[in-house]
Structures are given as C-alpha cells and as structure tokens.
Amino acid sequence: MKPPRIADELGRTPSYVYRILREQQAAAGDQ
C-alpha cells in the first residue's frame, strides 16, 4: 500500500491523518 502523495510530502503522517486521507480518497473514488 502506497501512502497518499500528501502524506509523502509531509514525510511523517499521524495515523489519524492517514486514515482521513484514505477516507477522502475512497469517497473521491466512489464519486
């Protein structure tokens, strides 16, 4: 699993932020 580009730019991403980013990508993929 590759981390989102945003997470890659930030370098270290807290688990809760990573979870939110994944949820946003999932929502964008559905719509």
Protein backbone atom coordinates (compact mmCIF):
# COMPACT_ATOMS: atom_id res chain seq x y z
CA MET A 1 0.00 0.00 0.00
CA LYS A 2 1.48 3.32 -1.07
CA PRO A 3 0.77 6.37 1.12
CA PRO A 4 -1.06 9.34 -0.42
CA ARG A 5 1.09 11.96 -2.14
CA ILE A 6 0.18 14.47 0.57
CA ALA A 7 1.44 12.11 3.26
CA ASP A 8 4.63 11.59 1.27
CA GLU A 9 5.18 15.35 1.13
CA LEU A 10 4.62 15.72 4.86
CA GLY A 11 7.03 12.88 5.50
CA ARG A 12 5.65 11.64 8.79
CA THR A 13 1.87 11.42 8.99
CA PRO A 14 -0.08 10.62 12.17
CA SER A 15 -2.32 7.56 11.90
CA TYR A 16 -5.47 9.63 12.24
CA VAL A 17 -4.41 11.95 9.42
CA TYR A 18 -3.54 8.96 7.24
CA ARG A 19 -6.97 7.50 7.99
CA ILE A 20 -8.70 10.74 6.98
CA LEU A 21 -6.70 10.91 3.76
CA ARG A 22 -7.68 7.34 2.90
CA GLU A 23 -11.34 8.09 3.62
CA GLN A 24 -11.17 11.14 1.34
CA GLN A 25 -9.60 9.09 -1.45
CA ALA A 26 -12.25 6.39 -1.01
CA ALA A 27 -15.03 8.99 -1.21
CA ALA A 28 -13.46 10.55 -4.30
CA GLY A 29 -13.16 7.11 -5.88
CA ASP A 30 -16.84 6.33 -5.24
CA GLN A 31 -17.97 9.65 -6.69
